[in-house]
Structures are given as structure tokens and as C-alpha cells.
């Protein structure tokens, strides 16, 4: 059976539409850092997505290319995720997307070591005749968070974030954004194939006790 992280870790990827607390352990990712509006047709974000999926599928298909990776198991490539922030403010100002700084990422299976990752970067670069060296092996420990399933357009996210803020205050917590803790989104829908009002996005914010 093919391993699917969304199904095996539903608490991380399929949360309720109402906010809730969750503790997130350290997880390894393929990551690409960048700046700017993600909607720019030729912007950094579009390039980052190509790099992420190029490496993700190089690893996924490694068993068919003759590469033997210890502990390998068949799996579904996990969903695209993103950490977002803007300098000088806490949280996100959706009206100024040009100020975004971000880390775009895809979860790595547990059998992927730094050595396996480095092989995949070289392999993808050679096969696709492109430079994948901007991608990095990124270990991120998120810790205690409030998360919620957002249904609808990305521009409507402030409504869900407001519910999350109200919930965390009721529970005795406050936001804990920092240089290592960010606004986090997990994209469960492909915006190219899904109507805007049906898009599913997990929103996750770091918190700490008041």
C-alpha cells in the first residue's frame, strides 16, 4: 500500500473547520526561500515550486531509476506548504503581498537523509538540465500551535485567522511569531483545478501561554 501522509497524519493535514491546539514535532522538508508576491507569473515563487516538485519526484521515483535508498517505501508526495512573514509586522498584511518573505516547502519521508537529499539535488539538476542548488534540506520544529481548516479564497483567510485569534485568547494563549516561528499554510487543493470557494488550506499559527 502506498503511504499517504494526509491520511496517516490527519491531525496535521485534515483539521476541523474550527480552531484547535496541536503540538507539531520536528519535520524535515525540501525548502526554497524567497521574496515577493506569489501571484507574479514569472516571480520567485513560481520558480521555487518547480524546484520543490522536481526534487520531490526525483526522490519518489528513485526506486525506478536504479537508486537504492535504505528504508525506502512507496508514498504519495505530501502537499505543498509555506511559511510566510513580512518585516516589521506581526502576522500577515494581505494587502501588501509584494512584501512577503517566505519558505516554500514539501515534507520529506523519514528515510530521506541529508545525503539522500544531496543526491536528489544533483540528480534533478542533471536530468532536467537546470540548477536545483537553491533547494535546501530544512528541519523545522513548529511546537505548540493553533490551527484550522480554511475553506475559500486565500484573500479571505483573515476571517479564519480572526477565529483562531479569538480561540487562542479563550484558551489562555497568544501568538508567538518570531524569527523561527511563522504563519504557516498547507495547500490541500490545486488552485488550477479547484473553484476558489472550495479551496482547502490549513492555517497554523505558533502560540505560547499568556
Protein backbone atom coordinates (compact mmCIF):
# COMPACT_ATOMS: atom_id res chain seq x y z
CA UNK A 1 0.00 0.00 0.00
CA UNK A 2 1.23 3.49 -0.86
CA UNK A 3 1.82 5.62 2.26
CA UNK A 4 -0.18 8.88 2.28
CA UNK A 5 0.84 11.42 4.94
CA UNK A 6 -2.52 13.21 4.72
CA UNK A 7 -4.35 10.02 5.67
CA UNK A 8 -1.84 8.74 8.23
CA UNK A 9 -1.46 12.10 9.99
CA UNK A 10 -4.94 13.54 9.72
CA UNK A 11 -4.40 15.66 12.83
CA UNK A 12 -1.71 17.60 10.90
CA UNK A 13 -3.34 17.80 7.47
CA UNK A 14 -7.11 17.46 7.88
CA UNK A 15 -8.04 19.56 10.92
CA UNK A 16 -11.63 20.65 11.67
CA UNK A 17 -13.07 23.92 10.40
CA UNK A 18 -12.95 25.15 13.99
CA UNK A 19 -9.62 26.16 15.59
CA UNK A 20 -7.76 23.76 17.85
CA UNK A 21 -4.43 23.36 19.64
CA UNK A 22 -1.78 20.97 18.32
CA UNK A 23 1.87 20.15 19.05
CA UNK A 24 3.96 19.74 15.90
CA UNK A 25 7.24 17.76 16.15
CA UNK A 26 10.35 18.38 14.08
CA UNK A 27 9.76 17.51 10.42
CA UNK A 28 12.22 17.51 7.53
CA UNK A 29 11.38 19.33 4.32
CA UNK A 30 12.63 20.26 0.90
CA UNK A 31 12.63 24.06 1.14
CA UNK A 32 13.23 27.08 -1.08
CA UNK A 33 13.39 30.61 0.32
CA UNK A 34 12.31 33.73 -1.49
CA UNK A 35 10.59 37.12 -1.50
CA UNK A 36 7.77 38.83 -3.32
CA UNK A 37 4.18 38.37 -4.44
CA UNK A 38 3.43 34.67 -5.04
CA UNK A 39 0.97 35.60 -7.80
CA UNK A 40 3.61 37.12 -10.09
CA UNK A 41 3.64 35.00 -13.28
CA UNK A 42 7.45 34.98 -13.56
CA UNK A 43 8.25 35.60 -9.90
CA UNK A 44 10.49 33.76 -7.46
CA UNK A 45 7.60 31.78 -6.03
CA UNK A 46 6.74 30.07 -9.31
CA UNK A 47 10.37 29.06 -9.75
CA UNK A 48 10.52 27.75 -6.19
CA UNK A 49 7.53 25.46 -6.80
CA UNK A 50 9.25 23.95 -9.83
CA UNK A 51 12.38 23.25 -7.78
CA UNK A 52 10.41 21.64 -4.95
CA UNK A 53 8.44 19.27 -7.14
CA UNK A 54 11.47 18.43 -9.26
CA UNK A 55 13.33 17.14 -6.21
CA UNK A 56 10.23 15.61 -4.60
CA UNK A 57 9.54 13.42 -7.64
CA UNK A 58 13.20 12.58 -8.11
CA UNK A 59 13.13 11.03 -4.63
CA UNK A 60 9.72 9.42 -5.10
CA UNK A 61 10.78 7.76 -8.36
CA UNK A 62 14.30 6.87 -7.20
CA UNK A 63 13.48 3.16 -6.99
CA UNK A 64 12.69 3.16 -10.70
CA UNK A 65 15.91 4.94 -11.63
CA UNK A 66 18.15 2.31 -10.06
CA UNK A 67 18.91 4.28 -6.89
CA UNK A 68 18.60 2.10 -3.78
CA UNK A 69 17.70 4.13 -0.69
CA UNK A 70 17.75 2.39 2.66
CA UNK A 71 14.28 2.27 4.19
CA UNK A 72 12.53 3.45 1.02
CA UNK A 73 8.76 2.92 0.83
CA UNK A 74 6.20 3.92 -1.82
CA UNK A 75 4.40 7.13 -0.86
CA UNK A 76 2.24 9.98 -2.09
CA UNK A 77 4.17 13.25 -2.37
CA UNK A 78 2.91 15.37 0.57
CA UNK A 79 1.14 18.67 -0.09
CA UNK A 80 2.85 21.97 -0.75
CA UNK A 81 3.34 24.13 2.35
CA UNK A 82 4.52 27.66 3.02
CA UNK A 83 5.88 29.75 5.88
CA UNK A 84 5.08 33.44 5.42
CA UNK A 85 6.11 36.68 7.08
CA UNK A 86 6.68 40.39 6.43
CA UNK A 87 9.34 42.54 8.00
CA UNK A 88 8.18 45.00 10.64
CA UNK A 89 4.77 43.49 11.40
CA UNK A 90 3.39 40.59 13.41
CA UNK A 91 1.36 38.20 11.30
CA UNK A 92 0.38 38.92 7.70
CA UNK A 93 -0.79 42.03 5.84
CA UNK A 94 -2.71 40.57 2.88
CA UNK A 95 -2.96 43.98 1.22
CA UNK A 96 0.80 44.09 0.57
CA UNK A 97 1.78 40.78 -0.96
CA UNK A 98 4.82 42.35 -2.55
CA UNK A 99 6.34 42.49 0.96
CA UNK A 100 6.09 38.75 1.52
CA UNK A 101 9.09 36.74 2.55
CA UNK A 102 8.56 33.01 2.51
CA UNK A 103 9.89 29.50 2.77
CA UNK A 104 8.06 27.22 0.37
CA UNK A 105 8.38 23.53 1.24
CA UNK A 106 7.32 19.89 0.82
CA UNK A 107 7.62 17.30 3.56
CA UNK A 108 10.28 14.61 3.15
CA UNK A 109 9.72 10.94 4.04
CA UNK A 110 11.62 9.76 7.11
CA UNK A 111 14.05 7.67 5.04
CA UNK A 112 15.44 10.80 3.35
CA UNK A 113 18.74 11.76 4.99
CA UNK A 114 20.84 14.81 4.11
CA UNK A 115 22.97 12.53 1.93
CA UNK A 116 19.92 11.26 0.02
CA UNK A 117 18.70 14.83 -0.37
CA UNK A 118 22.05 15.99 -1.78
CA UNK A 119 21.93 13.11 -4.28
CA UNK A 120 18.42 14.16 -5.36
CA UNK A 121 19.53 17.76 -5.96
CA UNK A 122 22.36 16.60 -8.22
CA UNK A 123 20.17 14.02 -9.96
CA UNK A 124 17.38 16.53 -10.66
CA UNK A 125 19.87 19.12 -11.91
CA UNK A 126 21.42 16.65 -14.34
CA UNK A 127 18.18 15.15 -15.62
CA UNK A 128 16.29 18.41 -16.02
CA UNK A 129 19.31 20.43 -17.18
CA UNK A 130 18.57 23.07 -14.56
CA UNK A 131 20.07 24.33 -11.30
CA UNK A 132 18.34 22.91 -8.22
CA UNK A 133 21.02 24.02 -5.75
CA UNK A 134 18.78 26.72 -4.24
CA UNK A 135 16.72 23.98 -2.56
CA UNK A 136 17.76 23.05 0.97
CA UNK A 137 17.25 20.26 3.48
CA UNK A 138 15.21 22.05 6.16
CA UNK A 139 14.39 20.69 9.62
CA UNK A 140 11.54 22.67 11.20
CA UNK A 141 10.21 22.14 14.71
CA UNK A 142 7.00 24.10 14.95
CA UNK A 143 5.97 23.30 18.51
CA UNK A 144 2.65 24.37 20.02
CA UNK A 145 0.21 25.93 17.53
CA UNK A 146 -3.39 26.80 16.86
CA UNK A 147 -4.58 25.52 13.50
CA UNK A 148 -7.78 25.48 11.48
CA UNK A 149 -9.07 24.38 8.08
CA UNK A 150 -9.81 27.38 5.88
CA UNK A 151 -12.31 26.91 3.07
CA UNK A 152 -12.32 29.53 0.32
CA UNK A 153 -10.01 32.03 -1.33
CA UNK A 154 -6.60 32.90 0.07
CA UNK A 155 -7.68 36.55 0.32
CA UNK A 156 -10.48 35.50 2.71
CA UNK A 157 -8.03 33.96 5.18
CA UNK A 158 -8.25 36.92 7.63
CA UNK A 159 -11.73 35.73 8.61
CA UNK A 160 -10.37 32.34 9.67
CA UNK A 161 -7.35 33.94 11.35
CA UNK A 162 -9.73 36.12 13.41
CA UNK A 163 -11.49 32.95 14.63
CA UNK A 164 -8.11 31.46 15.53
CA UNK A 165 -7.12 34.58 17.46
CA UNK A 166 -10.38 34.54 19.42
CA UNK A 167 -9.96 30.84 20.23
CA UNK A 168 -6.38 31.16 21.46
CA UNK A 169 -7.34 34.02 23.78
CA UNK A 170 -10.20 31.96 25.20
CA UNK A 171 -7.75 29.13 25.87
CA UNK A 172 -5.18 31.38 27.55
CA UNK A 173 -2.67 31.65 24.70
CA UNK A 174 -1.26 34.37 22.50
CA UNK A 175 0.53 34.44 19.14
CA UNK A 176 4.25 33.67 19.25
CA UNK A 177 5.65 34.82 15.92
CA UNK A 178 9.43 35.16 15.85
CA UNK A 179 12.44 34.74 13.57
CA UNK A 180 11.88 30.98 13.74
CA UNK A 181 8.07 30.71 14.06
CA UNK A 182 5.80 31.83 11.24
CA UNK A 183 2.35 32.00 9.68
CA UNK A 184 2.07 28.53 8.15
CA UNK A 185 -0.17 27.36 5.30
CA UNK A 186 -0.68 23.84 3.90
CA UNK A 187 -2.32 23.69 0.47
CA UNK A 188 -4.65 20.72 0.08
CA UNK A 189 -6.23 21.94 -3.17
CA UNK A 190 -4.77 22.74 -6.57
CA UNK A 191 -5.98 26.28 -7.42
CA UNK A 192 -5.68 25.43 -11.12
CA UNK A 193 -8.32 22.71 -10.80
CA UNK A 194 -10.43 23.84 -7.84
CA UNK A 195 -13.01 26.61 -7.65
CA UNK A 196 -11.87 29.42 -5.40
CA UNK A 197 -14.71 28.97 -2.93
CA UNK A 198 -13.76 25.29 -2.47
CA UNK A 199 -10.04 25.70 -1.85
CA UNK A 200 -8.88 23.92 1.32
CA UNK A 201 -5.94 25.41 3.20
CA UNK A 202 -4.67 24.51 6.66
CA UNK A 203 -3.68 27.67 8.55
CA UNK A 204 -1.36 27.27 11.53
CA UNK A 205 -0.04 29.89 13.97
CA UNK A 206 2.55 29.42 16.73
CA UNK A 207 1.30 30.19 20.25
CA UNK A 208 2.52 30.41 23.84
CA UNK A 209 0.72 30.68 27.19
CA UNK A 210 -0.23 34.21 28.21
